[in-house]
C-alpha atoms as a PDB file:
ATOM      1  CA  UNK A   1      20.057   4.594   7.330  1.00  0.00           C
ATOM      2  CA  UNK A   2      17.058   2.527   6.426  1.00  0.00           C
ATOM      3  CA  UNK A   3      16.708   1.955   2.647  1.00  0.00           C
ATOM      4  CA  UNK A   4      12.943   2.996   2.907  1.00  0.00           C
ATOM      5  CA  UNK A   5      14.119   6.562   4.145  1.00  0.00           C
ATOM      6  CA  UNK A   6      16.785   6.604   1.227  1.00  0.00           C
ATOM      7  CA  UNK A   7      14.134   5.820  -1.277  1.00  0.00           C
ATOM      8  CA  UNK A   8      11.689   8.439   0.258  1.00  0.00           C
ATOM      9  CA  UNK A   9      14.201  11.404   0.368  1.00  0.00           C
ATOM     10  CA  UNK A  10      15.122  10.990  -3.092  1.00  0.00           C
ATOM     11  CA  UNK A  11      11.754  10.735  -4.470  1.00  0.00           C
ATOM     12  CA  UNK A  12      10.677  13.877  -2.422  1.00  0.00           C
ATOM     13  CA  UNK A  13      13.666  15.878  -3.720  1.00  0.00           C
ATOM     14  CA  UNK A  14      12.898  15.024  -7.279  1.00  0.00           C
ATOM     15  CA  UNK A  15       9.298  15.725  -6.879  1.00  0.00           C
ATOM     16  CA  UNK A  16       9.961  19.416  -5.202  1.00  0.00           C
ATOM     17  CA  UNK A  17      12.934  20.030  -7.665  1.00  0.00           C
ATOM     18  CA  UNK A  18      11.749  18.910 -10.902  1.00  0.00           C
ATOM     19  CA  UNK A  19       8.062  18.354 -10.463  1.00  0.00           C
ATOM     20  CA  UNK A  20       5.252  20.119 -12.306  1.00  0.00           C
ATOM     21  CA  UNK A  21       3.424  22.531 -10.326  1.00  0.00           C
ATOM     22  CA  UNK A  22      -0.469  22.419 -10.676  1.00  0.00           C
ATOM     23  CA  UNK A  23      -1.251  25.677  -9.143  1.00  0.00           C
ATOM     24  CA  UNK A  24      -3.964  27.419 -10.918  1.00  0.00           C
ATOM     25  CA  UNK A  25      -5.115  24.407 -12.807  1.00  0.00           C
ATOM     26  CA  UNK A  26      -8.270  22.746 -12.892  1.00  0.00           C
ATOM     27  CA  UNK A  27      -7.912  20.192  -9.793  1.00  0.00           C
ATOM     28  CA  UNK A  28     -10.640  17.765  -8.216  1.00  0.00           C
ATOM     29  CA  UNK A  29      -9.197  17.677  -4.614  1.00  0.00           C
ATOM     30  CA  UNK A  30      -9.764  20.404  -2.284  1.00  0.00           C
ATOM     31  CA  UNK A  31      -8.936  21.487   1.458  1.00  0.00           C
ATOM     32  CA  UNK A  32     -11.746  21.155   4.051  1.00  0.00           C
ATOM     33  CA  UNK A  33     -12.031  24.934   3.847  1.00  0.00           C
ATOM     34  CA  UNK A  34     -12.795  24.641   0.179  1.00  0.00           C
ATOM     35  CA  UNK A  35      -9.409  26.013  -1.198  1.00  0.00           C
ATOM     36  CA  UNK A  36      -8.287  23.818  -4.242  1.00  0.00           C
ATOM     37  CA  UNK A  37      -5.372  21.419  -3.156  1.00  0.00           C
ATOM     38  CA  UNK A  38      -2.831  21.738  -5.597  1.00  0.00           C
ATOM     39  CA  UNK A  39       0.273  19.744  -6.050  1.00  0.00           C
ATOM     40  CA  UNK A  40       3.728  19.316  -7.343  1.00  0.00           C
ATOM     41  CA  UNK A  41       3.931  16.259  -9.194  1.00  0.00           C
ATOM     42  CA  UNK A  42       6.089  13.817 -11.094  1.00  0.00           C
ATOM     43  CA  UNK A  43       5.175  10.676 -13.416  1.00  0.00           C
ATOM     44  CA  UNK A  44       5.992   7.326 -13.439  1.00  0.00           C
ATOM     45  CA  UNK A  45       7.643   6.577 -10.003  1.00  0.00           C
ATOM     46  CA  UNK A  46       9.208   3.172  -9.848  1.00  0.00           C
ATOM     47  CA  UNK A  47      10.610   2.291  -6.217  1.00  0.00           C
ATOM     48  CA  UNK A  48      12.078  -1.228  -5.772  1.00  0.00           C
ATOM     49  CA  UNK A  49      12.449  -3.023  -2.455  1.00  0.00           C
ATOM     50  CA  UNK A  50      14.262  -6.387  -1.709  1.00  0.00           C
ATOM     51  CA  UNK A  51      12.437  -7.781   1.134  1.00  0.00           C
ATOM     52  CA  UNK A  52      15.103 -10.327   1.790  1.00  0.00           C
ATOM     53  CA  UNK A  53      17.454  -7.629   3.022  1.00  0.00           C
ATOM     54  CA  UNK A  54      15.177  -5.361   5.003  1.00  0.00           C
ATOM     55  CA  UNK A  55      11.660  -4.338   5.743  1.00  0.00           C
ATOM     56  CA  UNK A  56      10.718  -0.982   4.017  1.00  0.00           C
ATOM     57  CA  UNK A  57       9.475   1.075   6.867  1.00  0.00           C
ATOM     58  CA  UNK A  58      10.641   4.664   7.111  1.00  0.00           C
ATOM     59  CA  UNK A  59      12.257   5.883  10.509  1.00  0.00           C
ATOM     60  CA  UNK A  60      12.171   9.579   9.560  1.00  0.00           C
ATOM     61  CA  UNK A  61       8.905   9.632  11.408  1.00  0.00           C
ATOM     62  CA  UNK A  62       6.804   6.537  12.721  1.00  0.00           C
ATOM     63  CA  UNK A  63       4.553   4.599  10.401  1.00  0.00           C
ATOM     64  CA  UNK A  64       2.059   2.832  12.426  1.00  0.00           C
ATOM     65  CA  UNK A  65       2.192  -0.654  11.199  1.00  0.00           C
ATOM     66  CA  UNK A  66      -0.567  -2.343  12.931  1.00  0.00           C
ATOM     67  CA  UNK A  67      -3.039   0.248  11.902  1.00  0.00           C
ATOM     68  CA  UNK A  68      -1.777  -0.021   8.143  1.00  0.00           C
ATOM     69  CA  UNK A  69      -2.028  -3.801   8.462  1.00  0.00           C
ATOM     70  CA  UNK A  70      -5.663  -3.605   9.759  1.00  0.00           C
ATOM     71  CA  UNK A  71      -6.591  -1.529   6.695  1.00  0.00           C
ATOM     72  CA  UNK A  72      -4.750  -3.999   4.542  1.00  0.00           C
ATOM     73  CA  UNK A  73      -6.775  -6.920   5.927  1.00  0.00           C
ATOM     74  CA  UNK A  74      -9.977  -4.629   6.005  1.00  0.00           C
ATOM     75  CA  UNK A  75      -9.556  -4.869   2.030  1.00  0.00           C
ATOM     76  CA  UNK A  76      -7.836  -8.137   1.412  1.00  0.00           C
ATOM     77  CA  UNK A  77      -9.146 -10.461   4.312  1.00  0.00           C
ATOM     78  CA  UNK A  78     -12.463  -8.861   5.377  1.00  0.00           C
ATOM     79  CA  UNK A  79     -13.261  -7.663   2.084  1.00  0.00           C
ATOM     80  CA  UNK A  80     -15.083  -4.763   3.377  1.00  0.00           C
ATOM     81  CA  UNK A  81     -16.229  -1.486   2.139  1.00  0.00           C
ATOM     82  CA  UNK A  82     -17.725  -0.050   5.536  1.00  0.00           C
ATOM     83  CA  UNK A  83     -15.685   1.875   7.901  1.00  0.00           C
ATOM     84  CA  UNK A  84     -17.390   0.118  11.132  1.00  0.00           C
ATOM     85  CA  UNK A  85     -15.338  -2.851  10.182  1.00  0.00           C
ATOM     86  CA  UNK A  86     -12.019  -0.932  10.212  1.00  0.00           C
ATOM     87  CA  UNK A  87     -10.425   0.395  13.439  1.00  0.00           C
ATOM     88  CA  UNK A  88      -9.262   3.755  12.336  1.00  0.00           C
ATOM     89  CA  UNK A  89     -10.724   6.776  11.082  1.00  0.00           C
ATOM     90  CA  UNK A  90      -8.842   7.162   7.779  1.00  0.00           C
ATOM     91  CA  UNK A  91     -11.778   6.749   5.584  1.00  0.00           C
ATOM     92  CA  UNK A  92     -14.378   8.644   7.406  1.00  0.00           C
ATOM     93  CA  UNK A  93     -14.402  11.422   4.959  1.00  0.00           C
ATOM     94  CA  UNK A  94     -15.535   9.261   2.022  1.00  0.00           C
ATOM     95  CA  UNK A  95     -18.193   7.260   4.071  1.00  0.00           C
ATOM     96  CA  UNK A  96     -21.881   7.766   3.717  1.00  0.00           C
ATOM     97  CA  UNK A  97     -24.310   7.533   6.953  1.00  0.00           C
ATOM     98  CA  UNK A  98     -24.266   3.890   6.816  1.00  0.00           C
ATOM     99  CA  UNK A  99     -20.595   3.691   6.876  1.00  0.00           C
ATOM    100  CA  UNK A 100     -20.162   2.478   3.259  1.00  0.00           C
ATOM    101  CA  UNK A 101     -17.576   3.715   0.785  1.00  0.00           C
ATOM    102  CA  UNK A 102     -19.622   2.250  -2.191  1.00  0.00           C
ATOM    103  CA  UNK A 103     -18.571  -0.375  -4.481  1.00  0.00           C
ATOM    104  CA  UNK A 104     -14.883   0.269  -3.800  1.00  0.00           C
ATOM    105  CA  UNK A 105     -11.924  -1.504  -2.306  1.00  0.00           C
ATOM    106  CA  UNK A 106     -12.962  -4.546  -0.271  1.00  0.00           C
ATOM    107  CA  UNK A 107     -16.362  -4.779  -2.191  1.00  0.00           C
ATOM    108  CA  UNK A 108     -14.445  -5.567  -5.222  1.00  0.00           C
ATOM    109  CA  UNK A 109     -12.340  -7.937  -3.437  1.00  0.00           C
ATOM    110  CA  UNK A 110     -15.297 -10.207  -2.358  1.00  0.00           C
ATOM    111  CA  UNK A 111     -17.080 -10.405  -5.860  1.00  0.00           C
ATOM    112  CA  UNK A 112     -16.692 -13.989  -7.163  1.00  0.00           C
ATOM    113  CA  UNK A 113     -15.852 -14.699 -10.955  1.00  0.00           C
ATOM    114  CA  UNK A 114     -16.146 -17.756 -12.861  1.00  0.00           C
ATOM    115  CA  UNK A 115     -12.945 -19.529 -13.870  1.00  0.00           C
ATOM    116  CA  UNK A 116     -12.517 -23.212 -15.242  1.00  0.00           C
ATOM    117  CA  UNK A 117     -11.553 -24.358 -11.838  1.00  0.00           C
ATOM    118  CA  UNK A 118     -14.878 -22.871 -10.228  1.00  0.00           C
ATOM    119  CA  UNK A 119     -15.883 -19.462  -8.571  1.00  0.00           C
ATOM    120  CA  UNK A 120     -13.367 -17.514  -6.669  1.00  0.00           C
ATOM    121  CA  UNK A 121     -13.092 -13.951  -5.766  1.00  0.00           C
ATOM    122  CA  UNK A 122      -9.586 -12.028  -6.285  1.00  0.00           C
ATOM    123  CA  UNK A 123      -7.948 -13.050  -3.038  1.00  0.00           C
ATOM    124  CA  UNK A 124      -8.828 -16.571  -3.098  1.00  0.00           C
ATOM    125  CA  UNK A 125      -7.865 -16.845  -6.788  1.00  0.00           C
ATOM    126  CA  UNK A 126      -4.439 -15.584  -5.905  1.00  0.00           C
ATOM    127  CA  UNK A 127      -3.869 -18.072  -3.157  1.00  0.00           C
ATOM    128  CA  UNK A 128      -5.283 -20.861  -5.328  1.00  0.00           C
ATOM    129  CA  UNK A 129      -2.765 -20.066  -8.230  1.00  0.00           C
ATOM    130  CA  UNK A 130       0.330 -19.354  -5.947  1.00  0.00           C
ATOM    131  CA  UNK A 131      -0.314 -22.808  -4.493  1.00  0.00           C
ATOM    132  CA  UNK A 132      -1.213 -24.832  -7.532  1.00  0.00           C
ATOM    133  CA  UNK A 133       0.325 -22.808 -10.556  1.00  0.00           C
ATOM    134  CA  UNK A 134       3.184 -20.674  -9.116  1.00  0.00           C
ATOM    135  CA  UNK A 135       4.664 -19.882 -12.615  1.00  0.00           C
ATOM    136  CA  UNK A 136       1.434 -18.552 -13.784  1.00  0.00           C
ATOM    137  CA  UNK A 137       1.907 -15.198 -15.431  1.00  0.00           C
ATOM    138  CA  UNK A 138      -1.890 -14.307 -14.645  1.00  0.00           C
ATOM    139  CA  UNK A 139      -1.616 -14.012 -10.679  1.00  0.00           C
ATOM    140  CA  UNK A 140      -3.290 -10.448 -10.082  1.00  0.00           C
ATOM    141  CA  UNK A 141      -6.001  -8.552  -8.743  1.00  0.00           C
ATOM    142  CA  UNK A 142      -7.718  -5.325  -9.998  1.00  0.00           C
ATOM    143  CA  UNK A 143      -9.972  -3.097  -8.334  1.00  0.00           C
ATOM    144  CA  UNK A 144     -10.238  -0.374 -10.872  1.00  0.00           C
ATOM    145  CA  UNK A 145     -13.609  -1.933 -12.163  1.00  0.00           C
ATOM    146  CA  UNK A 146     -15.181   0.662 -14.743  1.00  0.00           C
ATOM    147  CA  UNK A 147     -18.783  -0.433 -14.478  1.00  0.00           C
ATOM    148  CA  UNK A 148     -18.832   0.337 -10.728  1.00  0.00           C
ATOM    149  CA  UNK A 149     -16.721   3.650 -10.728  1.00  0.00           C
ATOM    150  CA  UNK A 150     -19.770   5.822 -10.414  1.00  0.00           C
ATOM    151  CA  UNK A 151     -20.738   3.917  -7.340  1.00  0.00           C
ATOM    152  CA  UNK A 152     -17.347   4.310  -5.667  1.00  0.00           C
ATOM    153  CA  UNK A 153     -16.752   7.169  -3.167  1.00  0.00           C
ATOM    154  CA  UNK A 154     -13.162   7.431  -4.222  1.00  0.00           C
ATOM    155  CA  UNK A 155     -11.662   5.793  -7.344  1.00  0.00           C
ATOM    156  CA  UNK A 156      -9.063   3.289  -6.198  1.00  0.00           C
ATOM    157  CA  UNK A 157      -5.447   4.849  -5.875  1.00  0.00           C
ATOM    158  CA  UNK A 158      -3.556   1.531  -5.077  1.00  0.00           C
ATOM    159  CA  UNK A 159      -5.549  -0.301  -7.487  1.00  0.00           C
ATOM    160  CA  UNK A 160      -3.425  -3.767  -8.800  1.00  0.00           C
ATOM    161  CA  UNK A 161      -1.275  -6.222  -7.316  1.00  0.00           C
ATOM    162  CA  UNK A 162       0.637  -8.636  -9.760  1.00  0.00           C
ATOM    163  CA  UNK A 163       2.426 -11.677  -8.054  1.00  0.00           C
ATOM    164  CA  UNK A 164       5.330 -13.417  -9.746  1.00  0.00           C
ATOM    165  CA  UNK A 165       7.249 -16.367  -8.574  1.00  0.00           C
ATOM    166  CA  UNK A 166      10.819 -17.223  -9.482  1.00  0.00           C
ATOM    167  CA  UNK A 167      13.338 -19.668  -7.689  1.00  0.00           C
ATOM    168  CA  UNK A 168      16.118 -19.363  -5.197  1.00  0.00           C
ATOM    169  CA  UNK A 169      18.667 -21.522  -6.897  1.00  0.00           C
ATOM    170  CA  UNK A 170      20.504 -22.179  -3.357  1.00  0.00           C
ATOM    171  CA  UNK A 171      17.587 -23.277  -1.499  1.00  0.00           C
ATOM    172  CA  UNK A 172      15.368 -24.730  -4.165  1.00  0.00           C
ATOM    173  CA  UNK A 173      12.558 -22.749  -2.745  1.00  0.00           C
ATOM    174  CA  UNK A 174      10.006 -20.610  -4.875  1.00  0.00           C
ATOM    175  CA  UNK A 175      10.436 -16.855  -4.254  1.00  0.00           C
ATOM    176  CA  UNK A 176       7.444 -14.387  -4.168  1.00  0.00           C
ATOM    177  CA  UNK A 177       7.910 -11.312  -5.777  1.00  0.00           C
ATOM    178  CA  UNK A 178       4.890  -8.487  -6.514  1.00  0.00           C
ATOM    179  CA  UNK A 179       4.118  -5.257  -7.981  1.00  0.00           C
ATOM    180  CA  UNK A 180       1.829  -2.705  -6.602  1.00  0.00           C
ATOM    181  CA  UNK A 181       0.355  -0.291  -9.329  1.00  0.00           C
ATOM    182  CA  UNK A 182      -1.025   2.984  -7.957  1.00  0.00           C
ATOM    183  CA  UNK A 183      -2.633   5.577 -10.135  1.00  0.00           C
ATOM    184  CA  UNK A 184      -2.069   8.512  -7.678  1.00  0.00           C
ATOM    185  CA  UNK A 185      -0.348   8.833  -4.297  1.00  0.00           C
ATOM    186  CA  UNK A 186      -0.182  11.570  -1.631  1.00  0.00           C
ATOM    187  CA  UNK A 187       3.409  11.183  -0.726  1.00  0.00           C
ATOM    188  CA  UNK A 188       3.285  12.602   2.613  1.00  0.00           C
ATOM    189  CA  UNK A 189       0.201  11.155   3.808  1.00  0.00           C
ATOM    190  CA  UNK A 190       0.372   7.666   2.100  1.00  0.00           C
ATOM    191  CA  UNK A 191       3.583   6.781   0.550  1.00  0.00           C
ATOM    192  CA  UNK A 192       5.205   4.627   3.443  1.00  0.00           C
ATOM    193  CA  UNK A 193       1.952   3.462   4.720  1.00  0.00           C
ATOM    194  CA  UNK A 194       1.191   1.861   1.342  1.00  0.00           C
ATOM    195  CA  UNK A 195       4.699   0.331   0.922  1.00  0.00           C
ATOM    196  CA  UNK A 196       4.334  -1.236   4.465  1.00  0.00           C
ATOM    197  CA  UNK A 197       0.937  -2.487   3.764  1.00  0.00           C
ATOM    198  CA  UNK A 198       1.965  -4.289   0.747  1.00  0.00           C
ATOM    199  CA  UNK A 199       5.247  -5.451   1.862  1.00  0.00           C
ATOM    200  CA  UNK A 200       3.334  -7.322   4.626  1.00  0.00           C
ATOM    201  CA  UNK A 201       0.894  -8.462   2.301  1.00  0.00           C
ATOM    202  CA  UNK A 202       3.855 -10.229   0.311  1.00  0.00           C
ATOM    203  CA  UNK A 203       5.307 -11.642   3.626  1.00  0.00           C
ATOM    204  CA  UNK A 204       1.860 -12.875   4.313  1.00  0.00           C
ATOM    205  CA  UNK A 205       1.238 -14.728   1.015  1.00  0.00           C
ATOM    206  CA  UNK A 206       4.645 -16.149   0.953  1.00  0.00           C
ATOM    207  CA  UNK A 207       4.182 -17.722   4.375  1.00  0.00           C
ATOM    208  CA  UNK A 208       0.774 -19.262   3.691  1.00  0.00           C
ATOM    209  CA  UNK A 209       2.126 -20.649   0.172  1.00  0.00           C
ATOM    210  CA  UNK A 210       5.491 -21.924   1.697  1.00  0.00           C
ATOM    211  CA  UNK A 211       7.589 -19.549  -0.292  1.00  0.00           C
ATOM    212  CA  UNK A 212      10.330 -17.053   0.420  1.00  0.00           C
ATOM    213  CA  UNK A 213       9.988 -13.543   0.134  1.00  0.00           C
ATOM    214  CA  UNK A 214      11.520 -11.608  -2.721  1.00  0.00           C
ATOM    215  CA  UNK A 215      11.116  -8.177  -4.298  1.00  0.00           C
ATOM    216  CA  UNK A 216       8.512  -5.864  -3.735  1.00  0.00           C
ATOM    217  CA  UNK A 217       8.184  -3.052  -6.773  1.00  0.00           C
ATOM    218  CA  UNK A 218       5.983  -0.035  -6.254  1.00  0.00           C
ATOM    219  CA  UNK A 219       4.775   1.841  -9.268  1.00  0.00           C
ATOM    220  CA  UNK A 220       3.179   5.269  -8.989  1.00  0.00           C
ATOM    221  CA  UNK A 221       1.551   6.964 -12.067  1.00  0.00           C
ATOM    222  CA  UNK A 222       1.359  10.185 -10.405  1.00  0.00           C
ATOM    223  CA  UNK A 223       3.332  10.838  -7.291  1.00  0.00           C
ATOM    224  CA  UNK A 224       2.542  14.207  -5.672  1.00  0.00           C
ATOM    225  CA  UNK A 225       3.177  16.374  -2.675  1.00  0.00           C
ATOM    226  CA  UNK A 226       0.519  18.899  -1.852  1.00  0.00           C
ATOM    227  CA  UNK A 227       0.945  22.464  -1.492  1.00  0.00           C
ATOM    228  CA  UNK A 228       0.379  22.537   2.206  1.00  0.00           C
ATOM    229  CA  UNK A 229       2.395  19.441   2.676  1.00  0.00           C
ATOM    230  CA  UNK A 230       5.702  21.050   1.018  1.00  0.00           C
ATOM    231  CA  UNK A 231       7.156  22.595   4.321  1.00  0.00           C
ATOM    232  CA  UNK A 232       6.328  19.509   6.085  1.00  0.00           C
ATOM    233  CA  UNK A 233       8.254  17.269   3.665  1.00  0.00           C
ATOM    234  CA  UNK A 234      11.228  19.735   3.537  1.00  0.00           C
ATOM    235  CA  UNK A 235      11.841  19.623   7.362  1.00  0.00           C
ATOM    236  CA  UNK A 236      10.884  15.533   7.245  1.00  0.00           C
ATOM    237  CA  UNK A 237      13.587  14.856   4.950  1.00  0.00           C
ATOM    238  CA  UNK A 238      16.289  16.930   6.709  1.00  0.00           C
ATOM    239  CA  UNK A 239      16.101  14.684   9.589  1.00  0.00           C
ATOM    240  CA  UNK A 240      18.551  12.042  10.757  1.00  0.00           C
ATOM    241  CA  UNK A 241      17.213   8.508   9.875  1.00  0.00           C
ATOM    242  CA  UNK A 242      17.833   5.315  12.003  1.00  0.00           C
ATOM    243  CA  UNK A 243      18.680   1.815  10.912  1.00  0.00           C
ATOM    244  CA  UNK A 244      15.888  -0.394   9.652  1.00  0.00           C
ATOM    245  CA  UNK A 245      14.160  -2.609  12.206  1.00  0.00           C
ATOM    246  CA  UNK A 246      13.708  -6.307  12.186  1.00  0.00           C
ATOM    247  CA  UNK A 247      10.359  -7.744  10.798  1.00  0.00           C
ATOM    248  CA  UNK A 248       8.675 -10.714  12.474  1.00  0.00           C
ATOM    249  CA  UNK A 249       5.601 -12.542  11.226  1.00  0.00           C
ATOM    250  CA  UNK A 250       3.963 -14.742  13.458  1.00  0.00           C
ATOM    251  CA  UNK A 251       5.082 -18.435  11.870  1.00  0.00           C
ATOM    252  CA  UNK A 252       2.282 -20.169  13.432  1.00  0.00           C
ATOM    253  CA  UNK A 253      -0.328 -18.678  10.946  1.00  0.00           C
ATOM    254  CA  UNK A 254      -0.707 -21.056   7.812  1.00  0.00           C
ATOM    255  CA  UNK A 255      -4.166 -19.659   6.619  1.00  0.00           C
ATOM    256  CA  UNK A 256      -4.280 -16.029   5.118  1.00  0.00           C
ATOM    257  CA  UNK A 257      -7.677 -15.490   6.838  1.00  0.00           C
ATOM    258  CA  UNK A 258      -6.123 -16.495  10.429  1.00  0.00           C
ATOM    259  CA  UNK A 259      -3.553 -13.115  10.270  1.00  0.00           C
ATOM    260  CA  UNK A 260      -4.492 -10.502  12.598  1.00  0.00           C
ATOM    261  CA  UNK A 261      -2.535  -7.155  12.997  1.00  0.00           C
ATOM    262  CA  UNK A 262      -0.868  -8.444  16.169  1.00  0.00           C
ATOM    263  CA  UNK A 263       0.902 -11.363  14.226  1.00  0.00           C
ATOM    264  CA  UNK A 264       2.999  -8.281  12.632  1.00  0.00           C
ATOM    265  CA  UNK A 265       5.922  -7.246  14.841  1.00  0.00           C
ATOM    266  CA  UNK A 266       8.968  -4.915  14.621  1.00  0.00           C
ATOM    267  CA  UNK A 267      12.138  -5.268  16.589  1.00  0.00           C
ATOM    268  CA  UNK A 268      14.202  -2.279  17.372  1.00  0.00           C
ATOM    269  CA  UNK A 269      11.979   0.082  15.446  1.00  0.00           C
ATOM    270  CA  UNK A 270      13.490   3.713  16.103  1.00  0.00           C
ATOM    271  CA  UNK A 271      11.950   6.744  14.503  1.00  0.00           C
ATOM    272  CA  UNK A 272      11.854  10.484  14.399  1.00  0.00           C
ATOM    273  CA  UNK A 273       9.049  12.800  15.989  1.00  0.00           C
ATOM    274  CA  UNK A 274       5.485  12.203  14.828  1.00  0.00           C
ATOM    275  CA  UNK A 275       4.041  14.813  12.488  1.00  0.00           C
ATOM    276  CA  UNK A 276       0.378  15.531  13.969  1.00  0.00           C
ATOM    277  CA  UNK A 277      -2.394  17.315  12.190  1.00  0.00           C
ATOM    278  CA  UNK A 278      -1.135  16.702   8.710  1.00  0.00           C
ATOM    279  CA  UNK A 279      -3.966  18.272   6.456  1.00  0.00           C
ATOM    280  CA  UNK A 280      -5.826  15.802   3.889  1.00  0.00           C
ATOM    281  CA  UNK A 281      -7.111  16.840   0.771  1.00  0.00           C
ATOM    282  CA  UNK A 282     -10.402  15.567  -0.260  1.00  0.00           C
END
């Protein structure tokens, strides 16, 4: 069994068996038909993935890794807030007539801030610090800009990455670890999607900064399963999982801004039947 499947099954079982049901409470999300979208939720999930051991992609169903990476690069590399720069339609519900999602995600990434060393946006500052001051305890990004929230079409869910370097005592090389903080997560629609994205990001940053990958820690404040997703989850976690595939990243890429979704590959990826038509709360 892939470790990502093991983590996902345990988390879903805990939510369903021990979570708080919000049925009848005041909730913001709703289904496209206007019905309130209630959830079963738990607080404070912390999932750890050792990227040295295996890549954390589920096999219970397919996670479309290239589409996931494309969205990651849309935010972190293209620093865009317009769906016309994205090759999937996952953000269509939140875009206006121009394709903008407001001052969210990629918009925040491209804003430059003043530092002693000069002006940097958040991505370039991360890369600068990893290369020049890897033991800094201040290497992080934060998309939750309170002054711009009123102009965001959706508040950031995965809002902060913190990078931290340790050392491999056997090789002497620096090891890159990271924590993703997420205020809220639709477990069925987004859990492994986000895990895959930010695990890939750690691999990319490690490669361009000449480090080894270490741990990726995923912290979710509100991990929830929507009411209409519970039967789908119950069926999904009863499936027979497969072993984890091998992860490959194009070793020729040395500049973060040169990565493309095609540079990310999986060998031997087996997975269960895809789930189509998952209802998405908005």
